[in-house]
PDB file of N, CA and C in Angstrom:
ATOM      1  N   MET A   1    -183.538  11.043 198.958  1.00  0.00           N
ATOM      2  CA  MET A   1    -182.123  11.570 199.820  1.00  0.00           C
ATOM      3  C   MET A   1    -182.201  12.961 199.646  1.00  0.00           C
ATOM      4  N   THR A   2    -182.147  13.517 201.097  1.00  0.00           N
ATOM      5  CA  THR A   2    -182.642  14.779 201.223  1.00  0.00           C
ATOM      6  C   THR A   2    -181.385  16.011 200.793  1.00  0.00           C
ATOM      7  N   GLU A   3    -180.294  15.426 200.767  1.00  0.00           N
ATOM      8  CA  GLU A   3    -178.981  15.877 199.923  1.00  0.00           C
ATOM      9  C   GLU A   3    -178.256  15.333 199.341  1.00  0.00           C
ATOM     10  N   GLU A   4    -177.933  16.097 197.962  1.00  0.00           N
ATOM     11  CA  GLU A   4    -177.191  15.358 196.948  1.00  0.00           C
ATOM     12  C   GLU A   4    -175.197  15.331 197.017  1.00  0.00           C
ATOM     13  N   LEU A   5    -174.930  14.053 197.063  1.00  0.00           N
ATOM     14  CA  LEU A   5    -173.832  13.953 197.291  1.00  0.00           C
ATOM     15  C   LEU A   5    -172.865  13.169 196.387  1.00  0.00           C
ATOM     16  N   SER A   6    -171.518  13.803 196.226  1.00  0.00           N
ATOM     17  CA  SER A   6    -170.873  13.246 194.986  1.00  0.00           C
ATOM     18  C   SER A   6    -170.072  12.157 195.548  1.00  0.00           C
ATOM     19  N   ALA A   7    -169.489  11.388 194.872  1.00  0.00           N
ATOM     20  CA  ALA A   7    -168.962  10.162 195.769  1.00  0.00           C
ATOM     21  C   ALA A   7    -167.946  10.981 196.569  1.00  0.00           C
ATOM     22  N   ASP A   8    -167.372  11.958 195.940  1.00  0.00           N
ATOM     23  CA  ASP A   8    -166.349  12.482 196.603  1.00  0.00           C
ATOM     24  C   ASP A   8    -166.392  13.284 197.682  1.00  0.00           C
ATOM     25  N   ASP A   9    -167.617  13.122 198.243  1.00  0.00           N
ATOM     26  CA  ASP A   9    -168.494  13.818 199.110  1.00  0.00           C
ATOM     27  C   ASP A   9    -168.859  12.612 200.218  1.00  0.00           C
ATOM     28  N   VAL A  10    -168.964  11.390 200.040  1.00  0.00           N
ATOM     29  CA  VAL A  10    -169.600  10.570 200.351  1.00  0.00           C
ATOM     30  C   VAL A  10    -168.557   9.841 201.237  1.00  0.00           C
ATOM     31  N   THR A  11    -168.283  10.241 202.694  1.00  0.00           N
ATOM     32  CA  THR A  11    -167.608   9.313 203.718  1.00  0.00           C
ATOM     33  C   THR A  11    -168.279   8.912 204.754  1.00  0.00           C
ATOM     34  N   ASP A  12    -168.257   7.889 206.037  1.00  0.00           N
ATOM     35  CA  ASP A  12    -168.801   7.886 206.700  1.00  0.00           C
ATOM     36  C   ASP A  12    -169.316   9.014 207.680  1.00  0.00           C
ATOM     37  N   GLU A  13    -168.205  10.021 207.702  1.00  0.00           N
ATOM     38  CA  GLU A  13    -167.972  11.324 208.892  1.00  0.00           C
ATOM     39  C   GLU A  13    -169.026  12.137 208.718  1.00  0.00           C
ATOM     40  N   ARG A  14    -169.170  12.268 206.856  1.00  0.00           N
ATOM     41  CA  ARG A  14    -169.958  13.183 206.276  1.00  0.00           C
ATOM     42  C   ARG A  14    -171.777  12.535 206.393  1.00  0.00           C
ATOM     43  N   VAL A  15    -171.761  11.254 206.027  1.00  0.00           N
ATOM     44  CA  VAL A  15    -173.660  10.853 206.151  1.00  0.00           C
ATOM     45  C   VAL A  15    -173.979  10.527 207.792  1.00  0.00           C
ATOM     46  N   ARG A  16    -172.983  10.547 208.467  1.00  0.00           N
ATOM     47  CA  ARG A  16    -173.447  10.203 210.161  1.00  0.00           C
ATOM     48  C   ARG A  16    -174.736  10.847 210.160  1.00  0.00           C
ATOM     49  N   ASP A  17    -175.093  11.724 209.968  1.00  0.00           N
ATOM     50  CA  ASP A  17    -175.917  12.719 210.661  1.00  0.00           C
ATOM     51  C   ASP A  17    -177.022  12.973 209.586  1.00  0.00           C
ATOM     52  N   LEU A  18    -177.086  12.377 208.450  1.00  0.00           N
ATOM     53  CA  LEU A  18    -178.544  12.429 207.498  1.00  0.00           C
ATOM     54  C   LEU A  18    -179.494  11.296 207.993  1.00  0.00           C
ATOM     55  N   PRO A  19    -180.686  11.862 208.089  1.00  0.00           N
ATOM     56  CA  PRO A  19    -181.317  10.923 208.128  1.00  0.00           C
ATOM     57  C   PRO A  19    -181.699   9.623 207.766  1.00  0.00           C
ATOM     58  N   PRO A  20    -182.129   9.021 208.367  1.00  0.00           N
ATOM     59  CA  PRO A  20    -182.464   7.330 207.599  1.00  0.00           C
ATOM     60  C   PRO A  20    -183.702   7.579 206.516  1.00  0.00           C
ATOM     61  N   ALA A  21    -183.342   6.632 205.602  1.00  0.00           N
ATOM     62  CA  ALA A  21    -184.221   6.667 204.814  1.00  0.00           C
ATOM     63  C   ALA A  21    -186.026   6.478 205.054  1.00  0.00           C
ATOM     64  N   ASP A  22    -186.880   7.110 204.004  1.00  0.00           N
ATOM     65  CA  ASP A  22    -187.875   6.536 204.568  1.00  0.00           C
ATOM     66  C   ASP A  22    -188.498   5.162 204.533  1.00  0.00           C
ATOM     67  N   GLU A  23    -188.412   4.455 204.282  1.00  0.00           N
ATOM     68  CA  GLU A  23    -188.561   2.867 203.858  1.00  0.00           C
ATOM     69  C   GLU A  23    -188.321   1.904 205.663  1.00  0.00           C
ATOM     70  N   PRO A  24    -189.204   1.631 205.932  1.00  0.00           N
ATOM     71  CA  PRO A  24    -188.929   0.543 206.946  1.00  0.00           C
ATOM     72  C   PRO A  24    -187.438  -0.382 206.878  1.00  0.00           C
ATOM     73  N   THR A  25    -186.797  -0.571 205.513  1.00  0.00           N
ATOM     74  CA  THR A  25    -185.609  -1.284 205.641  1.00  0.00           C
ATOM     75  C   THR A  25    -184.878  -0.821 205.179  1.00  0.00           C
ATOM     76  N   ALA A  26    -183.719  -1.417 205.284  1.00  0.00           N
ATOM     77  CA  ALA A  26    -182.349  -0.389 204.813  1.00  0.00           C
ATOM     78  C   ALA A  26    -182.114  -0.605 203.214  1.00  0.00           C
ATOM     79  N   THR A  27    -181.881   0.800 202.654  1.00  0.00           N
ATOM     80  CA  THR A  27    -181.667   1.150 201.117  1.00  0.00           C
ATOM     81  C   THR A  27    -180.090   0.909 201.166  1.00  0.00           C
ATOM     82  N   ILE A  28    -179.496   0.885 200.245  1.00  0.00           N
ATOM     83  CA  ILE A  28    -177.882   0.529 200.077  1.00  0.00           C
ATOM     84  C   ILE A  28    -178.268   1.590 198.621  1.00  0.00           C
ATOM     85  N   THR A  29    -176.968   2.347 198.544  1.00  0.00           N
ATOM     86  CA  THR A  29    -176.664   2.330 197.544  1.00  0.00           C
ATOM     87  C   THR A  29    -175.468   2.741 196.893  1.00  0.00           C
ATOM     88  N   PRO A  30    -175.072   2.042 196.148  1.00  0.00           N
ATOM     89  CA  PRO A  30    -173.253   2.711 195.380  1.00  0.00           C
ATOM     90  C   PRO A  30    -173.092   3.788 195.268  1.00  0.00           C
ATOM     91  N   TYR A  31    -172.247   4.648 195.623  1.00  0.00           N
ATOM     92  CA  TYR A  31    -171.529   5.497 194.938  1.00  0.00           C
ATOM     93  C   TYR A  31    -170.626   5.458 193.800  1.00  0.00           C
ATOM     94  N   ARG A  32    -170.519   5.994 192.657  1.00  0.00           N
ATOM     95  CA  ARG A  32    -169.988   5.658 191.740  1.00  0.00           C
ATOM     96  C   ARG A  32    -168.527   6.167 192.289  1.00  0.00           C
ATOM     97  N   ASP A  33    -167.518   5.157 192.308  1.00  0.00           N
ATOM     98  CA  ASP A  33    -166.591   5.543 192.436  1.00  0.00           C
ATOM     99  C   ASP A  33    -166.379   5.727 193.751  1.00  0.00           C
ATOM    100  N   GLY A  34    -167.430   5.194 194.666  1.00  0.00           N
ATOM    101  CA  GLY A  34    -167.289   5.324 196.410  1.00  0.00           C
ATOM    102  C   GLY A  34    -167.795   4.550 197.089  1.00  0.00           C
ATOM    103  N   PRO A  35    -168.059   4.682 198.132  1.00  0.00           N
ATOM    104  CA  PRO A  35    -168.882   3.670 199.128  1.00  0.00           C
ATOM    105  C   PRO A  35    -169.812   3.269 198.840  1.00  0.00           C
ATOM    106  N   LEU A  36    -170.066   2.294 199.779  1.00  0.00           N
ATOM    107  CA  LEU A  36    -171.926   1.957 200.051  1.00  0.00           C
ATOM    108  C   LEU A  36    -172.522   2.751 201.157  1.00  0.00           C
ATOM    109  N   LEU A  37    -173.819   3.661 200.430  1.00  0.00           N
ATOM    110  CA  LEU A  37    -174.279   4.240 201.955  1.00  0.00           C
ATOM    111  C   LEU A  37    -175.733   3.744 201.985  1.00  0.00           C
ATOM    112  N   VAL A  38    -175.139   3.201 203.378  1.00  0.00           N
ATOM    113  CA  VAL A  38    -176.346   2.606 204.009  1.00  0.00           C
ATOM    114  C   VAL A  38    -177.306   3.018 205.300  1.00  0.00           C
ATOM    115  N   ARG A  39    -178.811   3.097 204.364  1.00  0.00           N
ATOM    116  CA  ARG A  39    -179.708   4.411 205.482  1.00  0.00           C
ATOM    117  C   ARG A  39    -181.327   3.132 205.745  1.00  0.00           C
ATOM    118  N   GLY A  40    -181.032   3.462 207.146  1.00  0.00           N
ATOM    119  CA  GLY A  40    -182.660   2.663 206.880  1.00  0.00           C
ATOM    120  C   GLY A  40    -182.353   1.555 209.164  1.00  0.00           C
ATOM    121  N   ASP A  41    -183.483   0.433 208.376  1.00  0.00           N
ATOM    122  CA  ASP A  41    -183.145  -0.181 209.602  1.00  0.00           C
ATOM    123  C   ASP A  41    -182.340  -1.263 208.832  1.00  0.00           C
ATOM    124  N   PHE A  42    -181.215  -1.551 209.511  1.00  0.00           N
ATOM    125  CA  PHE A  42    -180.034  -2.581 209.533  1.00  0.00           C
ATOM    126  C   PHE A  42    -179.490  -3.035 210.602  1.00  0.00           C
ATOM    127  N   ARG A  43    -178.635  -4.207 210.456  1.00  0.00           N
ATOM    128  CA  ARG A  43    -177.552  -4.903 211.247  1.00  0.00           C
ATOM    129  C   ARG A  43    -176.409  -4.954 210.946  1.00  0.00           C
ATOM    130  N   LEU A  44    -175.502  -4.974 211.115  1.00  0.00           N
ATOM    131  CA  LEU A  44    -174.175  -5.114 210.901  1.00  0.00           C
ATOM    132  C   LEU A  44    -173.458  -5.759 212.056  1.00  0.00           C
ATOM    133  N   VAL A  45    -172.868  -7.179 211.280  1.00  0.00           N
ATOM    134  CA  VAL A  45    -171.890  -7.866 212.237  1.00  0.00           C
ATOM    135  C   VAL A  45    -171.079  -8.314 211.420  1.00  0.00           C
ATOM    136  N   ASP A  46    -170.390  -8.794 211.996  1.00  0.00           N
ATOM    137  CA  ASP A  46    -168.698  -9.193 211.437  1.00  0.00           C
ATOM    138  C   ASP A  46    -168.518 -10.596 211.180  1.00  0.00           C
ATOM    139  N   THR A  47    -167.435 -11.250 210.418  1.00  0.00           N
ATOM    140  CA  THR A  47    -167.440 -12.458 210.238  1.00  0.00           C
ATOM    141  C   THR A  47    -167.854 -13.708 210.867  1.00  0.00           C
ATOM    142  N   GLU A  48    -167.941 -13.485 211.900  1.00  0.00           N
ATOM    143  CA  GLU A  48    -168.313 -14.534 213.281  1.00  0.00           C
ATOM    144  C   GLU A  48    -169.560 -13.921 214.057  1.00  0.00           C
ATOM    145  N   GLY A  49    -170.744 -12.852 213.088  1.00  0.00           N
ATOM    146  CA  GLY A  49    -171.552 -12.899 213.775  1.00  0.00           C
ATOM    147  C   GLY A  49    -171.818 -11.982 215.083  1.00  0.00           C
ATOM    148  N   ASN A  50    -170.498 -11.514 215.820  1.00  0.00           N
ATOM    149  CA  ASN A  50    -170.481 -10.100 216.556  1.00  0.00           C
ATOM    150  C   ASN A  50    -171.420  -8.945 215.656  1.00  0.00           C
ATOM    151  N   GLU A  51    -172.187  -8.353 216.518  1.00  0.00           N
ATOM    152  CA  GLU A  51    -172.678  -6.952 216.253  1.00  0.00           C
ATOM    153  C   GLU A  51    -171.744  -5.636 216.198  1.00  0.00           C
ATOM    154  N   ILE A  52    -172.078  -5.013 215.227  1.00  0.00           N
ATOM    155  CA  ILE A  52    -171.096  -3.887 215.235  1.00  0.00           C
ATOM    156  C   ILE A  52    -171.867  -2.546 215.226  1.00  0.00           C
ATOM    157  N   ASP A  53    -171.912  -2.214 216.335  1.00  0.00           N
ATOM    158  CA  ASP A  53    -172.533  -1.275 216.677  1.00  0.00           C
ATOM    159  C   ASP A  53    -172.330   0.247 216.284  1.00  0.00           C
ATOM    160  N   PRO A  54    -173.268   0.564 214.828  1.00  0.00           N
ATOM    161  CA  PRO A  54    -172.594   1.964 214.424  1.00  0.00           C
ATOM    162  C   PRO A  54    -172.900   3.358 214.939  1.00  0.00           C
ATOM    163  N   GLY A  55    -174.117   3.044 216.101  1.00  0.00           N
ATOM    164  CA  GLY A  55    -174.851   4.493 216.555  1.00  0.00           C
ATOM    165  C   GLY A  55    -175.728   5.224 215.879  1.00  0.00           C
ATOM    166  N   ARG A  56    -175.645   4.783 214.478  1.00  0.00           N
ATOM    167  CA  ARG A  56    -176.909   5.319 213.857  1.00  0.00           C
ATOM    168  C   ARG A  56    -177.337   4.935 212.721  1.00  0.00           C
ATOM    169  N   ARG A  57    -178.460   5.312 212.163  1.00  0.00           N
ATOM    170  CA  ARG A  57    -179.242   4.529 210.836  1.00  0.00           C
ATOM    171  C   ARG A  57    -178.719   4.764 209.793  1.00  0.00           C
ATOM    172  N   THR A  58    -177.768   5.732 209.638  1.00  0.00           N
ATOM    173  CA  THR A  58    -177.117   5.873 208.402  1.00  0.00           C
ATOM    174  C   THR A  58    -175.598   5.983 208.238  1.00  0.00           C
ATOM    175  N   VAL A  59    -174.841   5.064 207.353  1.00  0.00           N
ATOM    176  CA  VAL A  59    -173.640   4.734 207.218  1.00  0.00           C
ATOM    177  C   VAL A  59    -172.994   4.905 205.507  1.00  0.00           C
ATOM    178  N   ALA A  60    -171.703   4.697 205.880  1.00  0.00           N
ATOM    179  CA  ALA A  60    -171.137   4.754 204.769  1.00  0.00           C
ATOM    180  C   ALA A  60    -169.942   3.936 204.653  1.00  0.00           C
ATOM    181  N   LEU A  61    -170.223   2.555 203.906  1.00  0.00           N
ATOM    182  CA  LEU A  61    -169.214   1.574 204.065  1.00  0.00           C
ATOM    183  C   LEU A  61    -168.523   0.997 203.051  1.00  0.00           C
ATOM    184  N   CYS A  62    -166.975   1.509 203.113  1.00  0.00           N
ATOM    185  CA  CYS A  62    -165.831   1.350 202.150  1.00  0.00           C
ATOM    186  C   CYS A  62    -166.148   0.065 201.267  1.00  0.00           C
ATOM    187  N   ARG A  63    -165.749   0.441 200.365  1.00  0.00           N
ATOM    188  CA  ARG A  63    -165.827  -0.750 199.092  1.00  0.00           C
ATOM    189  C   ARG A  63    -164.562  -0.640 198.221  1.00  0.00           C
ATOM    190  N   CYS A  64    -163.782  -0.022 198.372  1.00  0.00           N
ATOM    191  CA  CYS A  64    -162.083   0.072 197.722  1.00  0.00           C
ATOM    192  C   CYS A  64    -160.987  -0.684 198.991  1.00  0.00           C
ATOM    193  N   GLY A  65    -161.637  -1.086 200.008  1.00  0.00           N
ATOM    194  CA  GLY A  65    -161.075  -2.309 200.730  1.00  0.00           C
ATOM    195  C   GLY A  65    -159.610  -1.056 201.404  1.00  0.00           C
ATOM    196  N   ARG A  66    -159.766   0.049 201.279  1.00  0.00           N
ATOM    197  CA  ARG A  66    -158.250   0.898 201.756  1.00  0.00           C
ATOM    198  C   ARG A  66    -158.378   1.766 203.224  1.00  0.00           C
ATOM    199  N   SER A  67    -159.775   1.430 203.712  1.00  0.00           N
ATOM    200  CA  SER A  67    -160.323   2.998 204.757  1.00  0.00           C
ATOM    201  C   SER A  67    -159.664   2.350 205.860  1.00  0.00           C
ATOM    202  N   GLY A  68    -159.126   3.123 206.816  1.00  0.00           N
ATOM    203  CA  GLY A  68    -158.117   3.096 207.645  1.00  0.00           C
ATOM    204  C   GLY A  68    -159.503   2.714 209.005  1.00  0.00           C
ATOM    205  N   ILE A  69    -160.557   3.033 208.606  1.00  0.00           N
ATOM    206  CA  ILE A  69    -161.700   2.607 209.634  1.00  0.00           C
ATOM    207  C   ILE A  69    -162.896   1.225 209.570  1.00  0.00           C
ATOM    208  N   LYS A  70    -162.320   0.811 208.468  1.00  0.00           N
ATOM    209  CA  LYS A  70    -163.101  -0.347 208.194  1.00  0.00           C
ATOM    210  C   LYS A  70    -164.196  -1.162 209.048  1.00  0.00           C
ATOM    211  N   PRO A  71    -165.218  -1.269 208.649  1.00  0.00           N
ATOM    212  CA  PRO A  71    -165.583  -1.317 207.706  1.00  0.00           C
ATOM    213  C   PRO A  71    -166.540  -0.181 207.234  1.00  0.00           C
ATOM    214  N   PHE A  72    -166.305   0.924 207.426  1.00  0.00           N
ATOM    215  CA  PHE A  72    -166.977   2.622 207.215  1.00  0.00           C
ATOM    216  C   PHE A  72    -165.686   2.967 206.173  1.00  0.00           C
ATOM    217  N   CYS A  73    -166.101   4.023 205.661  1.00  0.00           N
ATOM    218  CA  CYS A  73    -165.564   4.805 204.933  1.00  0.00           C
ATOM    219  C   CYS A  73    -164.850   5.789 205.146  1.00  0.00           C
ATOM    220  N   ASP A  74    -163.672   6.207 205.262  1.00  0.00           N
ATOM    221  CA  ASP A  74    -162.808   7.293 205.432  1.00  0.00           C
ATOM    222  C   ASP A  74    -162.388   8.150 204.301  1.00  0.00           C
ATOM    223  N   GLY A  75    -162.746   8.018 202.695  1.00  0.00           N
ATOM    224  CA  GLY A  75    -162.547   9.098 202.083  1.00  0.00           C
ATOM    225  C   GLY A  75    -161.172   8.398 201.226  1.00  0.00           C
ATOM    226  N   THR A  76    -160.938   7.026 201.684  1.00  0.00           N
ATOM    227  CA  THR A  76    -159.402   7.043 201.073  1.00  0.00           C
ATOM    228  C   THR A  76    -159.745   6.910 199.501  1.00  0.00           C
ATOM    229  N   HIS A  77    -161.048   6.154 199.249  1.00  0.00           N
ATOM    230  CA  HIS A  77    -161.454   5.794 197.705  1.00  0.00           C
ATOM    231  C   HIS A  77    -160.619   6.987 196.445  1.00  0.00           C
ATOM    232  N   LYS A  78    -161.136   8.302 197.330  1.00  0.00           N
ATOM    233  CA  LYS A  78    -160.719   9.434 196.452  1.00  0.00           C
ATOM    234  C   LYS A  78    -159.193   9.752 195.936  1.00  0.00           C
ATOM    235  N   ARG A  79    -158.195   9.245 197.040  1.00  0.00           N
ATOM    236  CA  ARG A  79    -156.820   9.114 196.551  1.00  0.00           C
ATOM    237  C   ARG A  79    -156.121   7.880 196.475  1.00  0.00           C
ATOM    238  N   SER A  80    -156.810   7.159 196.288  1.00  0.00           N
ATOM    239  CA  SER A  80    -156.580   5.290 195.712  1.00  0.00           C
ATOM    240  C   SER A  80    -156.744   5.395 194.584  1.00  0.00           C
ATOM    241  N   GLY A  81    -157.777   6.103 193.461  1.00  0.00           N
ATOM    242  CA  GLY A  81    -157.880   5.621 192.203  1.00  0.00           C
ATOM    243  C   GLY A  81    -159.172   4.841 191.858  1.00  0.00           C
ATOM    244  N   PHE A  82    -159.687   4.648 193.082  1.00  0.00           N
ATOM    245  CA  PHE A  82    -160.697   3.368 193.333  1.00  0.00           C
ATOM    246  C   PHE A  82    -161.734   3.826 192.246  1.00  0.00           C
ATOM    247  N   HIS A  83    -162.508   3.044 191.418  1.00  0.00           N
ATOM    248  CA  HIS A  83    -163.142   2.950 190.322  1.00  0.00           C
ATOM    249  C   HIS A  83    -164.021   1.804 190.384  1.00  0.00           C
ATOM    250  N   ALA A  84    -165.302   2.699 190.444  1.00  0.00           N
ATOM    251  CA  ALA A  84    -166.511   1.449 190.027  1.00  0.00           C
ATOM    252  C   ALA A  84    -168.216   2.265 190.309  1.00  0.00           C
ATOM    253  N   GLY A  85    -168.660   1.696 189.130  1.00  0.00           N
ATOM    254  CA  GLY A  85    -169.776   2.332 188.783  1.00  0.00           C
ATOM    255  C   GLY A  85    -170.850   2.187 189.926  1.00  0.00           C
ATOM    256  N   SER A  86    -171.952   2.949 189.604  1.00  0.00           N
ATOM    257  CA  SER A  86    -172.740   2.612 190.642  1.00  0.00           C
ATOM    258  C   SER A  86    -174.132   1.891 190.333  1.00  0.00           C
ATOM    259  N   ALA A  87    -174.070   1.138 189.440  1.00  0.00           N
ATOM    260  CA  ALA A  87    -174.342   0.072 188.849  1.00  0.00           C
ATOM    261  C   ALA A  87    -174.102  -0.884 188.448  1.00  0.00           C
ATOM    262  N   PRO A  88    -174.957  -2.362 188.269  1.00  0.00           N
ATOM    263  CA  PRO A  88    -174.359  -3.464 188.020  1.00  0.00           C
ATOM    264  C   PRO A  88    -174.004  -3.631 186.630  1.00  0.00           C
ATOM    265  N   THR A  89    -172.974  -3.975 185.954  1.00  0.00           N
ATOM    266  CA  THR A  89    -172.374  -4.333 184.874  1.00  0.00           C
ATOM    267  C   THR A  89    -173.232  -5.034 183.879  1.00  0.00           C
ATOM    268  N   ARG A  90    -173.855  -5.632 184.721  1.00  0.00           N
ATOM    269  CA  ARG A  90    -174.931  -6.716 183.461  1.00  0.00           C
ATOM    270  C   ARG A  90    -175.960  -6.717 184.174  1.00  0.00           C
ATOM    271  N   PRO A  91    -177.266  -6.632 183.010  1.00  0.00           N
ATOM    272  CA  PRO A  91    -178.897  -6.392 182.915  1.00  0.00           C
ATOM    273  C   PRO A  91    -179.389  -7.238 184.107  1.00  0.00           C
ATOM    274  N   ARG A  92    -178.841  -8.457 184.899  1.00  0.00           N
ATOM    275  CA  ARG A  92    -179.638  -9.090 185.972  1.00  0.00           C
ATOM    276  C   ARG A  92    -178.122  -9.904 186.432  1.00  0.00           C
ATOM    277  N   PRO A  93    -178.418 -10.345 187.384  1.00  0.00           N
ATOM    278  CA  PRO A  93    -177.305 -11.238 188.502  1.00  0.00           C
ATOM    279  C   PRO A  93    -176.630 -12.739 187.695  1.00  0.00           C
ATOM    280  N   ALA A  94    -175.732 -12.557 187.554  1.00  0.00           N
ATOM    281  CA  ALA A  94    -175.140 -13.623 186.889  1.00  0.00           C
ATOM    282  C   ALA A  94    -175.683 -15.224 187.317  1.00  0.00           C
ATOM    283  N   ALA A  95    -176.114 -15.252 188.528  1.00  0.00           N
ATOM    284  CA  ALA A  95    -177.009 -16.480 189.075  1.00  0.00           C
ATOM    285  C   ALA A  95    -177.819 -16.967 187.832  1.00  0.00           C
ATOM    286  N   ASP A  96    -178.838 -15.649 187.505  1.00  0.00           N
ATOM    287  CA  ASP A  96    -179.633 -16.009 186.782  1.00  0.00           C
ATOM    288  C   ASP A  96    -179.663 -16.746 185.610  1.00  0.00           C
ATOM    289  N   ILE A  97    -178.294 -15.929 184.915  1.00  0.00           N
ATOM    290  CA  ILE A  97    -178.402 -16.416 183.660  1.00  0.00           C
ATOM    291  C   ILE A  97    -177.616 -17.599 183.506  1.00  0.00           C
ATOM    292  N   HIS A  98    -176.954 -18.086 184.791  1.00  0.00           N
ATOM    293  CA  HIS A  98    -175.989 -19.499 184.360  1.00  0.00           C
ATOM    294  C   HIS A  98    -176.805 -20.513 184.761  1.00  0.00           C
ATOM    295  N   ARG A  99    -178.517 -20.143 185.651  1.00  0.00           N
ATOM    296  CA  ARG A  99    -179.797 -20.638 185.905  1.00  0.00           C
ATOM    297  C   ARG A  99    -180.642 -21.202 184.335  1.00  0.00           C
ATOM    298  N   ASP A 100    -180.203 -20.173 183.837  1.00  0.00           N
ATOM    299  CA  ASP A 100    -181.156 -20.018 182.522  1.00  0.00           C
ATOM    300  C   ASP A 100    -180.451 -21.112 181.625  1.00  0.00           C
ATOM    301  N   ARG A 101    -178.816 -21.325 181.776  1.00  0.00           N
ATOM    302  CA  ARG A 101    -178.249 -22.219 180.425  1.00  0.00           C
ATOM    303  C   ARG A 101    -178.455 -23.516 181.131  1.00  0.00           C
ATOM    304  N   ALA A 102    -179.170 -24.136 182.423  1.00  0.00           N
ATOM    305  CA  ALA A 102    -178.991 -25.049 182.575  1.00  0.00           C
ATOM    306  C   ALA A 102    -179.968 -26.225 182.479  1.00  0.00           C
TER     307      ALA A 102
END
């Protein structure tokens, strides 16, 4: 990323002008106590399969559930006390653990 952002700085409005990731596919970065930053080539659809056109290749998606512009982040996570890490709390996906026990 060309610019370092803290979770408090990451909203869809603030990241809309960032360049897309260098990779040919999407890169999704969960920000600690903040949104999911999606950069690159991606397709965003609603639960009915209708495409949501973000109009750009870098977006911040809400993960606190309180944004007024869902699915995009509006910074509400800062005021709501949302807490989430930037990495999984488990060393590997739960599905792998379940499969190994079978």
